[in-house]
Protein backbone atom coordinates (compact mmCIF):
# COMPACT_ATOMS: atom_id res chain seq x y z
CA MET A 1 -17.62 -18.09 -18.06
CA ALA A 2 -13.66 -18.45 -17.79
CA THR A 3 -12.98 -15.09 -16.77
CA ALA A 4 -15.64 -14.95 -14.45
CA THR A 5 -13.46 -16.53 -11.82
CA TYR A 6 -11.22 -13.83 -11.80
CA ASP A 7 -13.15 -11.33 -10.67
CA ARG A 8 -12.43 -12.36 -6.92
CA VAL A 9 -9.39 -11.49 -4.34
CA LEU A 10 -8.22 -13.01 -2.22
CA THR A 11 -9.40 -12.31 1.05
CA GLU A 12 -12.91 -13.85 -0.43
CA GLU A 13 -11.88 -16.49 -1.81
CA ILE A 14 -9.86 -17.27 1.50
CA TRP A 15 -12.79 -16.00 3.77
CA SER A 16 -16.26 -16.31 2.11
CA ALA A 17 -19.44 -14.80 4.36
CA ASP A 18 -22.41 -12.82 3.90
CA GLY A 19 -25.10 -10.68 5.63
CA THR A 20 -23.94 -9.58 8.97
CA GLN A 21 -20.71 -11.86 8.65
CA LEU A 22 -19.80 -10.16 5.29
CA TRP A 23 -20.23 -6.97 7.63
CA VAL A 24 -17.98 -8.47 10.60
CA LYS A 25 -15.77 -9.70 8.02
CA ARG A 26 -14.88 -6.73 6.36
CA ALA A 27 -14.59 -4.70 10.00
CA ALA A 28 -12.19 -7.31 10.63
CA LEU A 29 -10.32 -6.72 7.61
CA VAL A 30 -10.13 -3.29 7.50
CA ILE A 31 -8.85 -2.91 11.51
CA LEU A 32 -6.02 -6.06 10.51
CA GLY A 33 -4.89 -3.88 7.32
CA ILE A 34 -4.48 -0.81 9.45
CA VAL A 35 -2.53 -2.50 11.90
CA LEU A 36 -0.52 -4.37 9.62
CA MET A 37 -0.06 -0.41 7.79
CA THR A 38 1.11 0.74 11.33
CA VAL A 39 2.99 -2.23 11.75
CA SER A 40 4.77 -1.71 8.38
CA ALA A 41 5.29 2.24 8.61
CA LYS A 42 6.89 1.54 12.33
CA ILE A 43 9.65 -0.56 10.18
CA ALA A 44 11.67 2.56 9.35
CA VAL A 45 15.44 3.34 8.51
CA ASP A 46 16.44 6.83 8.26
CA ILE A 47 18.28 7.61 4.96
CA PRO A 48 20.92 10.22 4.29
CA TYR A 49 20.69 13.29 2.39
CA THR A 50 16.37 12.47 2.25
CA PRO A 51 14.08 13.87 4.58
CA VAL A 52 12.04 10.88 3.81
CA PRO A 53 12.86 7.73 5.62
CA LEU A 54 12.67 3.58 4.55
CA THR A 55 9.75 2.04 5.04
CA LEU A 56 7.86 -1.26 4.70
CA GLY A 57 4.80 1.03 3.98
CA THR A 58 4.78 0.50 0.10
CA PHE A 59 4.64 -3.41 1.25
CA GLY A 60 1.97 -3.02 3.15
CA VAL A 61 0.03 -1.05 1.01
CA LEU A 62 0.48 -2.90 -2.41
CA THR A 63 -0.21 -6.66 -0.41
CA ILE A 64 -3.51 -5.06 1.23
CA GLY A 65 -4.36 -2.99 -1.92
CA ALA A 66 -3.86 -6.73 -4.12
CA ALA A 67 -5.73 -8.93 -1.58
CA TYR A 68 -8.54 -6.44 -0.57
CA GLY A 69 -9.55 -5.28 -3.52
CA PRO A 70 -10.41 -1.46 -4.48
CA ARG A 71 -12.93 -1.10 -2.21
CA LEU A 72 -11.63 -2.59 1.05
CA GLY A 73 -8.48 -1.50 0.47
CA LEU A 74 -9.85 2.32 -0.04
CA ALA A 75 -11.56 1.82 3.13
CA THR A 76 -8.80 0.57 4.94
CA ILE A 77 -6.49 3.34 3.81
CA VAL A 78 -8.38 5.71 4.43
CA GLY A 79 -9.07 4.42 7.95
CA TYR A 80 -5.50 4.03 8.46
CA LEU A 81 -5.15 8.19 7.38
CA LEU A 82 -7.98 9.91 9.59
CA ILE A 83 -6.69 7.42 12.56
CA GLY A 84 -3.28 9.18 12.19
CA ALA A 85 -4.83 12.76 10.60
CA PHE A 86 -6.25 12.56 14.74
CA GLY A 87 -2.90 12.46 16.06
CA TYR A 88 -2.50 8.65 16.86
CA ASP A 89 1.04 6.77 16.41
CA VAL A 90 0.84 5.28 13.00
CA PHE A 91 3.24 6.81 10.53
CA ALA A 92 6.47 6.13 9.54
CA GLY A 93 8.03 9.57 11.38
CA SER A 94 5.44 10.88 13.48
CA ASN A 95 5.47 10.86 17.40
CA ALA A 96 4.17 12.62 20.77
CA GLU A 97 5.62 15.95 19.25
CA LEU A 98 4.94 15.32 15.40
CA ASN A 99 1.67 13.96 14.28
CA GLY A 100 -1.81 14.60 12.94
CA THR A 101 -2.02 16.85 9.91
CA THR A 102 0.71 18.55 10.90
CA TYR A 103 2.83 15.18 10.10
CA MET A 104 0.81 14.92 7.04
CA MET A 105 1.57 17.98 5.36
CA GLY A 106 5.28 17.43 5.89
CA SER A 107 7.89 15.58 3.90
CA THR A 108 5.50 12.09 3.45
CA GLY A 109 2.49 13.98 2.55
CA GLY A 110 2.35 13.72 -1.08
CA TYR A 111 3.33 9.88 -0.64
CA LEU A 112 0.33 9.06 1.38
CA VAL A 113 -1.74 10.73 -1.02
CA GLY A 114 -0.11 8.29 -3.37
CA TYR A 115 -1.17 5.43 -1.41
CA VAL A 116 -4.04 5.81 -1.78
CA LEU A 117 -3.47 5.37 -5.62
CA ALA A 118 -1.76 2.71 -5.33
CA ILE A 119 -3.91 0.76 -3.03
CA VAL A 120 -7.23 1.33 -5.81
CA ALA A 121 -5.02 0.78 -8.99
CA LEU A 122 -3.67 -2.68 -6.94
CA GLY A 123 -7.12 -3.41 -6.20
CA LEU A 124 -8.57 -2.85 -10.13
CA ALA A 125 -5.78 -5.27 -10.94
CA ALA A 126 -6.62 -7.62 -8.58
CA ARG A 127 -9.81 -7.60 -9.69
CA ARG A 128 -8.94 -8.51 -13.20
CA GLY A 129 -6.60 -11.92 -12.17
CA TRP A 130 -3.12 -9.69 -12.21
CA ASP A 131 -2.40 -11.00 -8.70
CA ARG A 132 -2.51 -15.16 -9.67
CA ASN A 133 0.51 -14.34 -12.51
CA VAL A 134 3.39 -13.48 -11.15
CA LEU A 135 4.73 -11.70 -14.19
CA MET A 136 0.71 -9.68 -14.17
CA MET A 137 1.26 -8.80 -10.61
CA GLY A 138 4.95 -7.59 -11.01
CA VAL A 139 3.63 -5.45 -13.47
CA ALA A 140 1.00 -4.12 -11.53
CA MET A 141 3.30 -3.13 -8.53
CA LEU A 142 5.05 -1.52 -10.32
CA ILE A 143 2.49 0.96 -11.01
CA GLY A 144 1.54 0.85 -8.07
CA THR A 145 4.76 1.76 -6.86
CA ALA A 146 4.66 5.23 -9.60
CA LEU A 147 1.74 6.34 -8.80
CA ILE A 148 3.11 6.45 -4.90
CA TYR A 149 6.46 8.40 -6.38
CA ILE A 150 4.54 10.76 -8.65
CA PRO A 151 2.27 12.93 -6.09
CA GLY A 152 5.38 12.34 -3.68
CA VAL A 153 8.11 13.68 -4.85
CA SER A 154 5.50 16.51 -6.78
CA TRP A 155 5.34 17.22 -3.12
CA LEU A 156 8.87 17.86 -2.17
CA MET A 157 8.93 20.12 -5.02
CA HIS A 158 6.00 22.60 -3.42
CA LEU A 159 7.28 21.69 0.33
CA TYR A 160 11.36 22.43 -0.60
CA ASP A 161 11.01 24.35 -3.64
CA PHE A 162 13.23 21.74 -4.45
CA THR A 163 13.66 21.43 -8.72
CA LEU A 164 12.60 17.98 -10.54
CA ALA A 165 16.14 16.26 -10.59
CA THR A 166 16.68 17.05 -6.92
CA ALA A 167 13.30 16.06 -5.74
CA VAL A 168 13.78 12.51 -7.76
CA THR A 169 17.21 12.18 -6.47
CA LYS A 170 15.78 13.28 -2.67
CA GLY A 171 12.84 11.30 -2.82
CA MET A 172 13.19 8.32 -5.27
CA VAL A 173 16.30 7.07 -5.66
CA PRO A 174 17.99 6.70 -2.34
CA PHE A 175 14.61 4.24 -2.35
CA LEU A 176 14.70 2.51 -5.70
CA ILE A 177 16.85 -0.61 -4.59
CA GLY A 178 14.77 -1.50 -1.58
CA ASP A 179 11.44 -0.45 -3.32
CA ALA A 180 12.57 -3.20 -6.36
CA ILE A 181 12.84 -6.10 -3.17
CA LYS A 182 9.57 -4.99 -1.76
CA LEU A 183 8.06 -5.40 -5.22
CA VAL A 184 9.36 -8.75 -6.22
CA LEU A 185 8.29 -10.10 -2.96
CA ALA A 186 5.15 -8.74 -3.17
CA ALA A 187 4.73 -9.88 -7.19
CA ILE A 188 5.54 -13.39 -5.55
CA LEU A 189 3.71 -13.85 -2.71
CA LEU A 190 0.15 -13.18 -4.07
CA PRO A 191 0.40 -15.93 -6.51
CA THR A 192 1.65 -18.28 -3.93
CA LEU A 193 -0.80 -17.59 -1.59
CA TRP A 194 -3.47 -18.22 -4.25
CA LYS A 195 -1.71 -21.09 -5.59
CA LEU A 196 -1.56 -22.58 -2.23
CA VAL A 197 -5.86 -21.33 -1.97
CA GLY A 198 -6.69 -23.91 -5.00
CA LYS A 199 -4.68 -26.58 -3.14
CA ALA A 200 -6.54 -26.39 -0.61
CA ARG A 201 -9.74 -26.25 -1.59
CA VAL A 202 -8.89 -29.37 -4.50
């Protein structure tokens, strides 16, 4: 019986709804998630020697995945990518001249694929209660980050004919410190929010 209490993710616990209200809630959360993803992507810093900017996008993906769960998280990231594919300026380096599928097939294309993998992985981890413990959330975030890097680095190898060492040097190493900080913050955020929810219901 005790394990059954861990199958709910944060957004289900904070905002309970059913019937029509549930669908309204889900739509609102998807829209909110897309907005947060867009804002996170636009907070970007160009790094020398790499074609990929440092953004808060990974932080957004990891936290949305954990807070939303796998299905709603997947709907959110797919919606975000579709909006970007239609040419709207929602990505880190997209603009009026470079957008849509042209941008998505560029240097960040593999990382966008990784976003999908990571958000589902974090959602599944949250379903198992990992988001209620800092250590387990840290492990989940580490897995999610790896799932972003793997297709990201692989795509750079294909796109620029890089060796693995070069792709890692340009597509992963410059971001390790920043991603480590984001990982720690995200790992602390979800368990803290769960504690606050628990106190509010006492």
